[in-house]
Amino acid sequence: MTGNEYQKLASRTINNNLSKSDQGRHALHGMVGEIGELHSIYQKRYQGHEFDVEHAKKELGDLLWFVAEYCTSHDWEMEEIMQMNIEKLKARFPDGFSAEKSLHRKVGDI
């Protein structure tokens, strides 16, 4: 499945009664919430719990849904964002990750 295929399928469950602006805010709040849930799975390891792989995958899927909603609210295609990110990483780390390059990024490299 491509990013755009996922986005199209996920978008059928977006609340279209919300404005595009509210959909974007809903997505941002949702991403924060899902990150918190994913974090909680890892935090429980310090309390003696086993890492729950399936739960983590489900929360990551929920996070992806909110990323898709955010993209949709701005009329962006997920694959465009994915490609932009890869191009940024290639420019930043042409030979793979380097702590040195990470510490000394070029001006304007965000």
PDB file of N, CA and C in Angstrom:
ATOM      1  N   MET A   1       0.853  -1.180   0.000  1.00  0.00           N
ATOM      2  CA  MET A   1       0.000   0.000   0.000  1.00  0.00           C
ATOM      3  C   MET A   1       0.895   1.239   0.000  1.00  0.00           C
ATOM      4  N   THR A   2       0.573   2.193  -0.832  1.00  0.00           N
ATOM      5  CA  THR A   2       1.330   3.444  -0.858  1.00  0.00           C
ATOM      6  C   THR A   2       0.791   4.405   0.203  1.00  0.00           C
ATOM      7  N   GLY A   3       1.570   5.443   0.465  1.00  0.00           N
ATOM      8  CA  GLY A   3       1.114   6.456   1.407  1.00  0.00           C
ATOM      9  C   GLY A   3      -0.171   7.128   0.954  1.00  0.00           C
ATOM     10  N   ASN A   4      -0.263   7.406  -0.338  1.00  0.00           N
ATOM     11  CA  ASN A   4      -1.470   8.063  -0.852  1.00  0.00           C
ATOM     12  C   ASN A   4      -2.680   7.139  -0.814  1.00  0.00           C
ATOM     13  N   GLU A   5      -2.461   5.850  -1.054  1.00  0.00           N
ATOM     14  CA  GLU A   5      -3.568   4.887  -0.947  1.00  0.00           C
ATOM     15  C   GLU A   5      -4.063   4.829   0.492  1.00  0.00           C
ATOM     16  N   TYR A   6      -3.121   4.776   1.439  1.00  0.00           N
ATOM     17  CA  TYR A   6      -3.504   4.772   2.854  1.00  0.00           C
ATOM     18  C   TYR A   6      -4.301   6.034   3.183  1.00  0.00           C
ATOM     19  N   GLN A   7      -3.783   7.179   2.742  1.00  0.00           N
ATOM     20  CA  GLN A   7      -4.440   8.453   3.043  1.00  0.00           C
ATOM     21  C   GLN A   7      -5.863   8.474   2.506  1.00  0.00           C
ATOM     22  N   LYS A   8      -6.047   7.997   1.289  1.00  0.00           N
ATOM     23  CA  LYS A   8      -7.384   7.988   0.691  1.00  0.00           C
ATOM     24  C   LYS A   8      -8.325   7.089   1.489  1.00  0.00           C
ATOM     25  N   LEU A   9      -7.850   5.906   1.858  1.00  0.00           N
ATOM     26  CA  LEU A   9      -8.689   4.983   2.624  1.00  0.00           C
ATOM     27  C   LEU A   9      -8.975   5.520   4.026  1.00  0.00           C
ATOM     28  N   ALA A  10      -7.971   6.120   4.646  1.00  0.00           N
ATOM     29  CA  ALA A  10      -8.147   6.671   5.995  1.00  0.00           C
ATOM     30  C   ALA A  10      -9.092   7.870   5.980  1.00  0.00           C
ATOM     31  N   SER A  11      -9.062   8.637   4.898  1.00  0.00           N
ATOM     32  CA  SER A  11      -9.848   9.876   4.865  1.00  0.00           C
ATOM     33  C   SER A  11     -11.353   9.629   4.896  1.00  0.00           C
ATOM     34  N   ARG A  12     -11.775   8.426   4.579  1.00  0.00           N
ATOM     35  CA  ARG A  12     -13.217   8.157   4.616  1.00  0.00           C
ATOM     36  C   ARG A  12     -13.753   8.167   6.044  1.00  0.00           C
ATOM     37  N   THR A  13     -12.859   8.107   7.045  1.00  0.00           N
ATOM     38  CA  THR A  13     -13.303   8.130   8.442  1.00  0.00           C
ATOM     39  C   THR A  13     -13.018   9.470   9.123  1.00  0.00           C
ATOM     40  N   ILE A  14     -12.645  10.487   8.328  1.00  0.00           N
ATOM     41  CA  ILE A  14     -12.473  11.835   8.872  1.00  0.00           C
ATOM     42  C   ILE A  14     -13.855  12.462   9.054  1.00  0.00           C
ATOM     43  N   ASN A  15     -14.023  13.198  10.134  1.00  0.00           N
ATOM     44  CA  ASN A  15     -15.283  13.893  10.397  1.00  0.00           C
ATOM     45  C   ASN A  15     -15.389  15.088   9.454  1.00  0.00           C
ATOM     46  N   ASN A  16     -16.144  14.938   8.388  1.00  0.00           N
ATOM     47  CA  ASN A  16     -16.284  16.004   7.399  1.00  0.00           C
ATOM     48  C   ASN A  16     -17.233  17.110   7.834  1.00  0.00           C
ATOM     49  N   ASN A  17     -17.805  16.998   9.036  1.00  0.00           N
ATOM     50  CA  ASN A  17     -18.596  18.100   9.585  1.00  0.00           C
ATOM     51  C   ASN A  17     -17.686  19.189  10.148  1.00  0.00           C
ATOM     52  N   LEU A  18     -16.395  18.855  10.310  1.00  0.00           N
ATOM     53  CA  LEU A  18     -15.423  19.837  10.789  1.00  0.00           C
ATOM     54  C   LEU A  18     -14.866  20.616   9.606  1.00  0.00           C
ATOM     55  N   SER A  19     -14.502  21.859   9.854  1.00  0.00           N
ATOM     56  CA  SER A  19     -13.810  22.638   8.822  1.00  0.00           C
ATOM     57  C   SER A  19     -12.418  22.036   8.620  1.00  0.00           C
ATOM     58  N   LYS A  20     -11.785  22.373   7.518  1.00  0.00           N
ATOM     59  CA  LYS A  20     -10.415  21.895   7.270  1.00  0.00           C
ATOM     60  C   LYS A  20      -9.499  22.330   8.409  1.00  0.00           C
ATOM     61  N   SER A  21      -9.684  23.550   8.880  1.00  0.00           N
ATOM     62  CA  SER A  21      -8.872  24.068   9.976  1.00  0.00           C
ATOM     63  C   SER A  21      -9.067  23.238  11.244  1.00  0.00           C
ATOM     64  N   ASP A  22     -10.316  22.925  11.563  1.00  0.00           N
ATOM     65  CA  ASP A  22     -10.596  22.105  12.746  1.00  0.00           C
ATOM     66  C   ASP A  22     -10.108  20.672  12.558  1.00  0.00           C
ATOM     67  N   GLN A  23     -10.180  20.157  11.338  1.00  0.00           N
ATOM     68  CA  GLN A  23      -9.630  18.822  11.079  1.00  0.00           C
ATOM     69  C   GLN A  23      -8.131  18.813  11.368  1.00  0.00           C
ATOM     70  N   GLY A  24      -7.437  19.867  10.965  1.00  0.00           N
ATOM     71  CA  GLY A  24      -6.002  19.958  11.231  1.00  0.00           C
ATOM     72  C   GLY A  24      -5.701  19.998  12.718  1.00  0.00           C
ATOM     73  N   ARG A  25      -6.469  20.795  13.454  1.00  0.00           N
ATOM     74  CA  ARG A  25      -6.263  20.865  14.910  1.00  0.00           C
ATOM     75  C   ARG A  25      -6.608  19.538  15.572  1.00  0.00           C
ATOM     76  N   HIS A  26      -7.683  18.910  15.112  1.00  0.00           N
ATOM     77  CA  HIS A  26      -8.058  17.595  15.636  1.00  0.00           C
ATOM     78  C   HIS A  26      -6.910  16.610  15.431  1.00  0.00           C
ATOM     79  N   ALA A  27      -6.307  16.653  14.247  1.00  0.00           N
ATOM     80  CA  ALA A  27      -5.197  15.752  13.944  1.00  0.00           C
ATOM     81  C   ALA A  27      -4.002  16.018  14.859  1.00  0.00           C
ATOM     82  N   LEU A  28      -3.682  17.289  15.090  1.00  0.00           N
ATOM     83  CA  LEU A  28      -2.550  17.613  15.971  1.00  0.00           C
ATOM     84  C   LEU A  28      -2.788  17.105  17.384  1.00  0.00           C
ATOM     85  N   HIS A  29      -3.980  17.346  17.913  1.00  0.00           N
ATOM     86  CA  HIS A  29      -4.298  16.851  19.258  1.00  0.00           C
ATOM     87  C   HIS A  29      -4.247  15.321  19.279  1.00  0.00           C
ATOM     88  N   GLY A  30      -4.758  14.711  18.226  1.00  0.00           N
ATOM     89  CA  GLY A  30      -4.744  13.254  18.146  1.00  0.00           C
ATOM     90  C   GLY A  30      -3.340  12.687  18.108  1.00  0.00           C
ATOM     91  N   MET A  31      -2.440  13.334  17.348  1.00  0.00           N
ATOM     92  CA  MET A  31      -1.047  12.859  17.290  1.00  0.00           C
ATOM     93  C   MET A  31      -0.405  12.909  18.665  1.00  0.00           C
ATOM     94  N   VAL A  32      -0.632  14.008  19.375  1.00  0.00           N
ATOM     95  CA  VAL A  32      -0.066  14.136  20.722  1.00  0.00           C
ATOM     96  C   VAL A  32      -0.606  13.031  21.625  1.00  0.00           C
ATOM     97  N   GLY A  33      -1.903  12.778  21.551  1.00  0.00           N
ATOM     98  CA  GLY A  33      -2.508  11.725  22.368  1.00  0.00           C
ATOM     99  C   GLY A  33      -1.949  10.352  22.051  1.00  0.00           C
ATOM    100  N   GLU A  34      -1.785  10.054  20.772  1.00  0.00           N
ATOM    101  CA  GLU A  34      -1.268   8.736  20.384  1.00  0.00           C
ATOM    102  C   GLU A  34       0.195   8.572  20.769  1.00  0.00           C
ATOM    103  N   ILE A  35       0.975   9.640  20.664  1.00  0.00           N
ATOM    104  CA  ILE A  35       2.365   9.586  21.125  1.00  0.00           C
ATOM    105  C   ILE A  35       2.379   9.273  22.618  1.00  0.00           C
ATOM    106  N   GLY A  36       1.466   9.891  23.370  1.00  0.00           N
ATOM    107  CA  GLY A  36       1.365   9.613  24.803  1.00  0.00           C
ATOM    108  C   GLY A  36       1.026   8.158  25.072  1.00  0.00           C
ATOM    109  N   GLU A  37       0.112   7.600  24.284  1.00  0.00           N
ATOM    110  CA  GLU A  37      -0.252   6.193  24.482  1.00  0.00           C
ATOM    111  C   GLU A  37       0.915   5.274  24.145  1.00  0.00           C
ATOM    112  N   LEU A  38       1.634   5.582  23.078  1.00  0.00           N
ATOM    113  CA  LEU A  38       2.799   4.783  22.705  1.00  0.00           C
ATOM    114  C   LEU A  38       3.883   4.893  23.777  1.00  0.00           C
ATOM    115  N   HIS A  39       4.076   6.095  24.277  1.00  0.00           N
ATOM    116  CA  HIS A  39       5.048   6.316  25.347  1.00  0.00           C
ATOM    117  C   HIS A  39       4.685   5.503  26.589  1.00  0.00           C
ATOM    118  N   SER A  40       3.408   5.446  26.904  1.00  0.00           N
ATOM    119  CA  SER A  40       2.943   4.715  28.079  1.00  0.00           C
ATOM    120  C   SER A  40       3.273   3.225  27.994  1.00  0.00           C
ATOM    121  N   ILE A  41       3.205   2.679  26.781  1.00  0.00           N
ATOM    122  CA  ILE A  41       3.550   1.261  26.599  1.00  0.00           C
ATOM    123  C   ILE A  41       5.005   1.034  26.991  1.00  0.00           C
ATOM    124  N   TYR A  42       5.879   1.940  26.587  1.00  0.00           N
ATOM    125  CA  TYR A  42       7.297   1.815  26.926  1.00  0.00           C
ATOM    126  C   TYR A  42       7.535   2.094  28.404  1.00  0.00           C
ATOM    127  N   GLN A  43       6.810   3.067  28.955  1.00  0.00           N
ATOM    128  CA  GLN A  43       6.975   3.431  30.361  1.00  0.00           C
ATOM    129  C   GLN A  43       6.646   2.260  31.272  1.00  0.00           C
ATOM    130  N   LYS A  44       5.662   1.462  30.895  1.00  0.00           N
ATOM    131  CA  LYS A  44       5.248   0.330  31.724  1.00  0.00           C
ATOM    132  C   LYS A  44       6.345  -0.720  31.867  1.00  0.00           C
ATOM    133  N   ARG A  45       7.298  -0.728  30.947  1.00  0.00           N
ATOM    134  CA  ARG A  45       8.415  -1.674  31.049  1.00  0.00           C
ATOM    135  C   ARG A  45       9.199  -1.440  32.344  1.00  0.00           C
ATOM    136  N   TYR A  46       9.225  -0.177  32.801  1.00  0.00           N
ATOM    137  CA  TYR A  46       9.945   0.151  34.031  1.00  0.00           C
ATOM    138  C   TYR A  46       9.167  -0.272  35.272  1.00  0.00           C
ATOM    139  N   GLN A  47       7.938  -0.724  35.055  1.00  0.00           N
ATOM    140  CA  GLN A  47       7.113  -1.218  36.155  1.00  0.00           C
ATOM    141  C   GLN A  47       6.997  -2.735  36.101  1.00  0.00           C
ATOM    142  N   GLY A  48       7.835  -3.361  35.291  1.00  0.00           N
ATOM    143  CA  GLY A  48       7.853  -4.813  35.225  1.00  0.00           C
ATOM    144  C   GLY A  48       6.986  -5.437  34.156  1.00  0.00           C
ATOM    145  N   HIS A  49       6.282  -4.623  33.364  1.00  0.00           N
ATOM    146  CA  HIS A  49       5.427  -5.160  32.304  1.00  0.00           C
ATOM    147  C   HIS A  49       6.267  -5.568  31.101  1.00  0.00           C
ATOM    148  N   GLU A  50       5.798  -6.578  30.401  1.00  0.00           N
ATOM    149  CA  GLU A  50       6.415  -6.960  29.136  1.00  0.00           C
ATOM    150  C   GLU A  50       6.026  -5.932  28.075  1.00  0.00           C
ATOM    151  N   PHE A  51       6.897  -5.753  27.093  1.00  0.00           N
ATOM    152  CA  PHE A  51       6.582  -4.867  25.975  1.00  0.00           C
ATOM    153  C   PHE A  51       5.496  -5.519  25.139  1.00  0.00           C
ATOM    154  N   ASP A  52       4.403  -4.808  24.917  1.00  0.00           N
ATOM    155  CA  ASP A  52       3.257  -5.324  24.166  1.00  0.00           C
ATOM    156  C   ASP A  52       3.373  -4.875  22.711  1.00  0.00           C
ATOM    157  N   VAL A  53       3.954  -5.723  21.879  1.00  0.00           N
ATOM    158  CA  VAL A  53       4.220  -5.397  20.480  1.00  0.00           C
ATOM    159  C   VAL A  53       2.937  -5.054  19.733  1.00  0.00           C
ATOM    160  N   GLU A  54       1.907  -5.864  19.887  1.00  0.00           N
ATOM    161  CA  GLU A  54       0.655  -5.636  19.153  1.00  0.00           C
ATOM    162  C   GLU A  54      -0.003  -4.321  19.559  1.00  0.00           C
ATOM    163  N   HIS A  55       0.038  -4.016  20.844  1.00  0.00           N
ATOM    164  CA  HIS A  55      -0.526  -2.748  21.314  1.00  0.00           C
ATOM    165  C   HIS A  55       0.251  -1.581  20.705  1.00  0.00           C
ATOM    166  N   ALA A  56       1.585  -1.684  20.699  1.00  0.00           N
ATOM    167  CA  ALA A  56       2.420  -0.624  20.126  1.00  0.00           C
ATOM    168  C   ALA A  56       2.106  -0.425  18.647  1.00  0.00           C
ATOM    169  N   LYS A  57       1.938  -1.515  17.914  1.00  0.00           N
ATOM    170  CA  LYS A  57       1.614  -1.416  16.485  1.00  0.00           C
ATOM    171  C   LYS A  57       0.271  -0.723  16.272  1.00  0.00           C
ATOM    172  N   LYS A  58      -0.704  -1.033  17.112  1.00  0.00           N
ATOM    173  CA  LYS A  58      -2.027  -0.410  16.983  1.00  0.00           C
ATOM    174  C   LYS A  58      -1.959   1.089  17.262  1.00  0.00           C
ATOM    175  N   GLU A  59      -1.203   1.474  18.283  1.00  0.00           N
ATOM    176  CA  GLU A  59      -1.070   2.901  18.600  1.00  0.00           C
ATOM    177  C   GLU A  59      -0.317   3.616  17.488  1.00  0.00           C
ATOM    178  N   LEU A  60       0.690   2.968  16.918  1.00  0.00           N
ATOM    179  CA  LEU A  60       1.424   3.556  15.802  1.00  0.00           C
ATOM    180  C   LEU A  60       0.508   3.720  14.591  1.00  0.00           C
ATOM    181  N   GLY A  61      -0.370   2.760  14.375  1.00  0.00           N
ATOM    182  CA  GLY A  61      -1.362   2.881  13.306  1.00  0.00           C
ATOM    183  C   GLY A  61      -2.303   4.048  13.542  1.00  0.00           C
ATOM    184  N   ASP A  62      -2.720   4.239  14.795  1.00  0.00           N
ATOM    185  CA  ASP A  62      -3.581   5.383  15.124  1.00  0.00           C
ATOM    186  C   ASP A  62      -2.844   6.698  14.866  1.00  0.00           C
ATOM    187  N   LEU A  63      -1.559   6.734  15.222  1.00  0.00           N
ATOM    188  CA  LEU A  63      -0.747   7.922  14.966  1.00  0.00           C
ATOM    189  C   LEU A  63      -0.684   8.207  13.467  1.00  0.00           C
ATOM    190  N   LEU A  64      -0.486   7.167  12.682  1.00  0.00           N
ATOM    191  CA  LEU A  64      -0.436   7.319  11.229  1.00  0.00           C
ATOM    192  C   LEU A  64      -1.758   7.865  10.689  1.00  0.00           C
ATOM    193  N   TRP A  65      -2.877   7.414  11.259  1.00  0.00           N
ATOM    194  CA  TRP A  65      -4.184   7.919  10.826  1.00  0.00           C
ATOM    195  C   TRP A  65      -4.264   9.430  11.031  1.00  0.00           C
ATOM    196  N   PHE A  66      -3.786   9.903  12.185  1.00  0.00           N
ATOM    197  CA  PHE A  66      -3.830  11.339  12.457  1.00  0.00           C
ATOM    198  C   PHE A  66      -2.876  12.113  11.543  1.00  0.00           C
ATOM    199  N   VAL A  67      -1.731  11.521  11.184  1.00  0.00           N
ATOM    200  CA  VAL A  67      -0.835  12.154  10.208  1.00  0.00           C
ATOM    201  C   VAL A  67      -1.567  12.297   8.876  1.00  0.00           C
ATOM    202  N   ALA A  68      -2.267  11.245   8.474  1.00  0.00           N
ATOM    203  CA  ALA A  68      -3.043  11.290   7.228  1.00  0.00           C
ATOM    204  C   ALA A  68      -4.122  12.368   7.308  1.00  0.00           C
ATOM    205  N   GLU A  69      -4.803  12.465   8.449  1.00  0.00           N
ATOM    206  CA  GLU A  69      -5.838  13.492   8.601  1.00  0.00           C
ATOM    207  C   GLU A  69      -5.228  14.883   8.486  1.00  0.00           C
ATOM    208  N   TYR A  70      -4.067  15.082   9.102  1.00  0.00           N
ATOM    209  CA  TYR A  70      -3.409  16.388   9.039  1.00  0.00           C
ATOM    210  C   TYR A  70      -3.060  16.742   7.596  1.00  0.00           C
ATOM    211  N   CYS A  71      -2.476  15.780   6.883  1.00  0.00           N
ATOM    212  CA  CYS A  71      -2.147  16.007   5.471  1.00  0.00           C
ATOM    213  C   CYS A  71      -3.403  16.336   4.669  1.00  0.00           C
ATOM    214  N   THR A  72      -4.450  15.573   4.873  1.00  0.00           N
ATOM    215  CA  THR A  72      -5.700  15.783   4.148  1.00  0.00           C
ATOM    216  C   THR A  72      -6.282  17.159   4.449  1.00  0.00           C
ATOM    217  N   SER A  73      -6.187  17.594   5.693  1.00  0.00           N
ATOM    218  CA  SER A  73      -6.747  18.898   6.071  1.00  0.00           C
ATOM    219  C   SER A  73      -6.031  20.050   5.365  1.00  0.00           C
ATOM    220  N   HIS A  74      -4.800  19.797   4.910  1.00  0.00           N
ATOM    221  CA  HIS A  74      -4.032  20.819   4.188  1.00  0.00           C
ATOM    222  C   HIS A  74      -3.967  20.542   2.683  1.00  0.00           C
ATOM    223  N   ASP A  75      -4.707  19.525   2.239  1.00  0.00           N
ATOM    224  CA  ASP A  75      -4.683  19.116   0.825  1.00  0.00           C
ATOM    225  C   ASP A  75      -3.276  18.739   0.363  1.00  0.00           C
ATOM    226  N   TRP A  76      -2.525  18.085   1.256  1.00  0.00           N
ATOM    227  CA  TRP A  76      -1.195  17.567   0.936  1.00  0.00           C
ATOM    228  C   TRP A  76      -1.303  16.067   0.725  1.00  0.00           C
ATOM    229  N   GLU A  77      -0.521  15.535  -0.181  1.00  0.00           N
ATOM    230  CA  GLU A  77      -0.445  14.086  -0.344  1.00  0.00           C
ATOM    231  C   GLU A  77       0.650  13.554   0.573  1.00  0.00           C
ATOM    232  N   MET A  78       0.366  12.476   1.257  1.00  0.00           N
ATOM    233  CA  MET A  78       1.347  11.898   2.176  1.00  0.00           C
ATOM    234  C   MET A  78       2.646  11.554   1.458  1.00  0.00           C
ATOM    235  N   GLU A  79       2.548  11.046   0.231  1.00  0.00           N
ATOM    236  CA  GLU A  79       3.761  10.663  -0.492  1.00  0.00           C
ATOM    237  C   GLU A  79       4.649  11.869  -0.779  1.00  0.00           C
ATOM    238  N   GLU A  80       4.054  13.045  -0.960  1.00  0.00           N
ATOM    239  CA  GLU A  80       4.850  14.261  -1.148  1.00  0.00           C
ATOM    240  C   GLU A  80       5.645  14.560   0.121  1.00  0.00           C
ATOM    241  N   ILE A  81       4.998  14.453   1.264  1.00  0.00           N
ATOM    242  CA  ILE A  81       5.659  14.708   2.545  1.00  0.00           C
ATOM    243  C   ILE A  81       6.739  13.655   2.792  1.00  0.00           C
ATOM    244  N   MET A  82       6.421  12.403   2.481  1.00  0.00           N
ATOM    245  CA  MET A  82       7.392  11.319   2.653  1.00  0.00           C
ATOM    246  C   MET A  82       8.626  11.572   1.787  1.00  0.00           C
ATOM    247  N   GLN A  83       8.417  11.956   0.523  1.00  0.00           N
ATOM    248  CA  GLN A  83       9.526  12.215  -0.396  1.00  0.00           C
ATOM    249  C   GLN A  83      10.361  13.404   0.066  1.00  0.00           C
ATOM    250  N   MET A  84       9.695  14.483   0.501  1.00  0.00           N
ATOM    251  CA  MET A  84      10.417  15.656   1.001  1.00  0.00           C
ATOM    252  C   MET A  84      11.308  15.278   2.176  1.00  0.00           C
ATOM    253  N   ASN A  85      10.794  14.439   3.067  1.00  0.00           N
ATOM    254  CA  ASN A  85      11.558  14.040   4.239  1.00  0.00           C
ATOM    255  C   ASN A  85      12.780  13.216   3.848  1.00  0.00           C
ATOM    256  N   ILE A  86      12.609  12.288   2.908  1.00  0.00           N
ATOM    257  CA  ILE A  86      13.738  11.468   2.465  1.00  0.00           C
ATOM    258  C   ILE A  86      14.800  12.333   1.795  1.00  0.00           C
ATOM    259  N   GLU A  87      14.378  13.289   0.969  1.00  0.00           N
ATOM    260  CA  GLU A  87      15.338  14.187   0.315  1.00  0.00           C
ATOM    261  C   GLU A  87      16.107  14.999   1.355  1.00  0.00           C
ATOM    262  N   LYS A  88      15.420  15.466   2.392  1.00  0.00           N
ATOM    263  CA  LYS A  88      16.080  16.211   3.464  1.00  0.00           C
ATOM    264  C   LYS A  88      17.112  15.333   4.164  1.00  0.00           C
ATOM    265  N   LEU A  89      16.737  14.086   4.451  1.00  0.00           N
ATOM    266  CA  LEU A  89      17.659  13.179   5.138  1.00  0.00           C
ATOM    267  C   LEU A  89      18.850  12.801   4.262  1.00  0.00           C
ATOM    268  N   LYS A  90      18.619  12.637   2.958  1.00  0.00           N
ATOM    269  CA  LYS A  90      19.727  12.341   2.036  1.00  0.00           C
ATOM    270  C   LYS A  90      20.727  13.497   2.011  1.00  0.00           C
ATOM    271  N   ALA A  91      20.216  14.719   1.988  1.00  0.00           N
ATOM    272  CA  ALA A  91      21.095  15.887   1.977  1.00  0.00           C
ATOM    273  C   ALA A  91      21.845  16.017   3.302  1.00  0.00           C
ATOM    274  N   ARG A  92      21.171  15.730   4.390  1.00  0.00           N
ATOM    275  CA  ARG A  92      21.776  15.867   5.717  1.00  0.00           C
ATOM    276  C   ARG A  92      22.794  14.765   5.991  1.00  0.00           C
ATOM    277  N   PHE A  93      22.455  13.548   5.584  1.00  0.00           N
ATOM    278  CA  PHE A  93      23.307  12.384   5.853  1.00  0.00           C
ATOM    279  C   PHE A  93      23.534  11.599   4.560  1.00  0.00           C
ATOM    280  N   PRO A  94      24.329  12.129   3.613  1.00  0.00           N
ATOM    281  CA  PRO A  94      24.488  11.463   2.315  1.00  0.00           C
ATOM    282  C   PRO A  94      25.082  10.058   2.410  1.00  0.00           C
ATOM    283  N   ASP A  95      25.867   9.800   3.431  1.00  0.00           N
ATOM    284  CA  ASP A  95      26.493   8.482   3.591  1.00  0.00           C
ATOM    285  C   ASP A  95      25.885   7.690   4.741  1.00  0.00           C
ATOM    286  N   GLY A  96      24.681   8.042   5.162  1.00  0.00           N
ATOM    287  CA  GLY A  96      24.056   7.412   6.318  1.00  0.00           C
ATOM    288  C   GLY A  96      24.269   8.279   7.549  1.00  0.00           C
ATOM    289  N   PHE A  97      23.657   7.884   8.653  1.00  0.00           N
ATOM    290  CA  PHE A  97      23.715   8.691   9.871  1.00  0.00           C
ATOM    291  C   PHE A  97      25.145   8.912  10.318  1.00  0.00           C
ATOM    292  N   SER A  98      25.403  10.122  10.790  1.00  0.00           N
ATOM    293  CA  SER A  98      26.691  10.498  11.357  1.00  0.00           C
ATOM    294  C   SER A  98      26.424  11.428  12.530  1.00  0.00           C
ATOM    295  N   ALA A  99      26.933  11.061  13.704  1.00  0.00           N
ATOM    296  CA  ALA A  99      26.759  11.918  14.877  1.00  0.00           C
ATOM    297  C   ALA A  99      27.389  13.282  14.623  1.00  0.00           C
ATOM    298  N   GLU A 100      28.522  13.293  13.941  1.00  0.00           N
ATOM    299  CA  GLU A 100      29.208  14.551  13.631  1.00  0.00           C
ATOM    300  C   GLU A 100      28.314  15.464  12.785  1.00  0.00           C
ATOM    301  N   LYS A 101      27.709  14.909  11.737  1.00  0.00           N
ATOM    302  CA  LYS A 101      26.825  15.715  10.883  1.00  0.00           C
ATOM    303  C   LYS A 101      25.565  16.138  11.648  1.00  0.00           C
ATOM    304  N   SER A 102      25.114  15.296  12.563  1.00  0.00           N
ATOM    305  CA  SER A 102      23.947  15.637  13.364  1.00  0.00           C
ATOM    306  C   SER A 102      24.244  16.813  14.290  1.00  0.00           C
ATOM    307  N   LEU A 103      25.435  16.818  14.841  1.00  0.00           N
ATOM    308  CA  LEU A 103      25.831  17.884  15.760  1.00  0.00           C
ATOM    309  C   LEU A 103      26.123  19.196  15.041  1.00  0.00           C
ATOM    310  N   HIS A 104      26.557  19.120  13.791  1.00  0.00           N
ATOM    311  CA  HIS A 104      26.982  20.316  13.050  1.00  0.00           C
ATOM    312  C   HIS A 104      26.179  20.451  11.758  1.00  0.00           C
ATOM    313  N   ARG A 105      24.895  20.669  11.914  1.00  0.00           N
ATOM    314  CA  ARG A 105      24.021  20.801  10.749  1.00  0.00           C
ATOM    315  C   ARG A 105      24.208  22.163  10.096  1.00  0.00           C
ATOM    316  N   LYS A 106      23.933  22.194   8.797  1.00  0.00           N
ATOM    317  CA  LYS A 106      24.056  23.434   8.034  1.00  0.00           C
ATOM    318  C   LYS A 106      22.996  24.437   8.487  1.00  0.00           C
ATOM    319  N   VAL A 107      23.306  25.701   8.338  1.00  0.00           N
ATOM    320  CA  VAL A 107      22.354  26.766   8.659  1.00  0.00           C
ATOM    321  C   VAL A 107      21.104  26.567   7.802  1.00  0.00           C
ATOM    322  N   GLY A 108      19.958  26.642   8.423  1.00  0.00           N
ATOM    323  CA  GLY A 108      18.689  26.485   7.710  1.00  0.00           C
ATOM    324  C   GLY A 108      18.220  25.052   7.572  1.00  0.00           C
ATOM    325  N   ASP A 109      19.016  24.084   8.038  1.00  0.00           N
ATOM    326  CA  ASP A 109      18.630  22.666   7.957  1.00  0.00           C
ATOM    327  C   ASP A 109      17.655  22.369   9.086  1.00  0.00           C
ATOM    328  N   ILE A 110      16.365  22.302   8.726  1.00  0.00           N
ATOM    329  CA  ILE A 110      15.338  22.050   9.744  1.00  0.00           C
ATOM    330  C   ILE A 110      14.728  20.685   9.577  1.00  0.00           C
TER     331      ILE A 110
END
